[in-house]
Amino acid sequence: MATGNDMTLQLAGASRASTQRSASWGAVFALTLCVSTLIASEFMPVSLLTPIASDLHLSEGGAGQAIAVSGLFAVVTSLFIASAAKAIDRRKLLLGLTGLMLASGLVVALAPNFTVLMIGRALLGIVIGGFWSLSAATVMRLVPEEDVPRALALLNGGNALATTVAAPLGSFLGQYIGWRGAFFVVVPLAALTLVWQFFTLPGMPTERAAPPPSTFAVLRRPKAPAGILAVTLLFMGQFALFTYLRPFLETVTRVGVSTLSLLLLGMGVAGLLGTYLIGFFVAKRLTAVLIAAPLAMAVIALVLVVLGRSLPATALLLAGWGLIGTAAPVAWWTWLSRTLPHDAEAGGGLMVAAIQLAITAGASIGGLLFDRGGYQSTFVASAALLGGGALLAFRASRAVGASGSDGLRGSGGRT
């Protein structure tokens, strides 16, 4: 029979656990705001290339390198940050990356010439590669294992929201406060997320005496190569099609600018819904999600070839594409946290690099096919890549299915 003192201790312990849980979710929300600000910064130039080029006396192609340089630095950073910063407390590292995002916004907004603009965008690329490489491992240390899929879905929701609003918001702000003002809006948001993280992120020192494996050494882990290649094919297939949606919609579905904007907005809203729902599915049906998501997207790509001239059918199919495609990365980050619980940082770096390269390759392959064989060739190639991703996902997911909630029983993923 419990004494009064025992009851008091139990209540106190429960109160502390509840407080720690609230603090951990506060940190997750702070990281979500960081994601939104970061992705908005990354894609802001898409709708501001013309005024940037005019003001800095560049061609639009030259101004477009502001996007390419951030991607290049993101790849390099993602591959080496886990080993290069192995001795740094992850709290300090994340705060440093957020401060670097703030500095990037200032440098870009005040850039007097092309060189300074590129420096600012390179700094942003470092933040992109570093933050996403650390994201899964950080979430695994902030929340209990059973909450990891929900927390990752929340981060990806911030990503989806920013991707949806960045280009139209940049265009809107650019009309009234200029492209520099549009970029400067990022600065107070970065400052807010820096302060929020400062007060909510706990200390996260590196705990293992042995050095972490290199990013490429992770490929020697069972099932890791199949998983990384599956992710690569998923993003290649997705961006082979997605990059050329506008010319498809304008020439095949024959929509005007207003309808085009509504269709893209519908995709974005569906993507937000998908990131909310997927956290519930991956917790217990991860294997099914990893395989079904690329298969469903492959089917949508093929049906668009057949029904692309019908506006209602196209709108419905694109909503489905947004619902699945935006949420699919959550499943793969969850796979990473379960398959490589002790090497999540190195694995995350490799996954970020694979995704960045896949986006570039997918867009390039899609463009070549679009020019030579029309949208049909591009969409069929997209479906083939996604189908291949589903096959490899089956192989990769079996590593999870052997021991997790698809059977997983792990250490909790604390690194």
Foldseek 3Di string as FASTA:
>chain_A
DDDPVRVVVVVVVVVVVVVLLVLLVLLLVLLLLVLLLLLLLLCQVVQALVLVCVQQVHDSVLSVVLNVLLLVLLLVLLQFVCQVCVFDWVLVVLLVLLVLLLVLLVQCLPPNHDVSSSVSSSSSSNSNNQCQLCPLQQLLARHFLLCSLVSLLSSLLSNLVSVLCSNVQSNVVCVPPNNSVSSNVSNVSSVVSSVSSVVRPDTGGNDDPDRADGLVVCVVAPLLVLLLLLLLLLLLLLLLQVVCVVVLCCPQLNDDPVVVSVLSNLLSVLLSVLSNPVSVCLSQPLLCLQQVLLLLLLVLLQVCVVCVNHPVSVSVSSSVCSSRSSNSVSSSSSLLCQLCLPNSSSNSSSSSSSNSVSNVNSNVVSVVCCVPPNSNRSSNVSSVSSNSSSVSSNSSCVSQCVDCSVHNDDPSSND
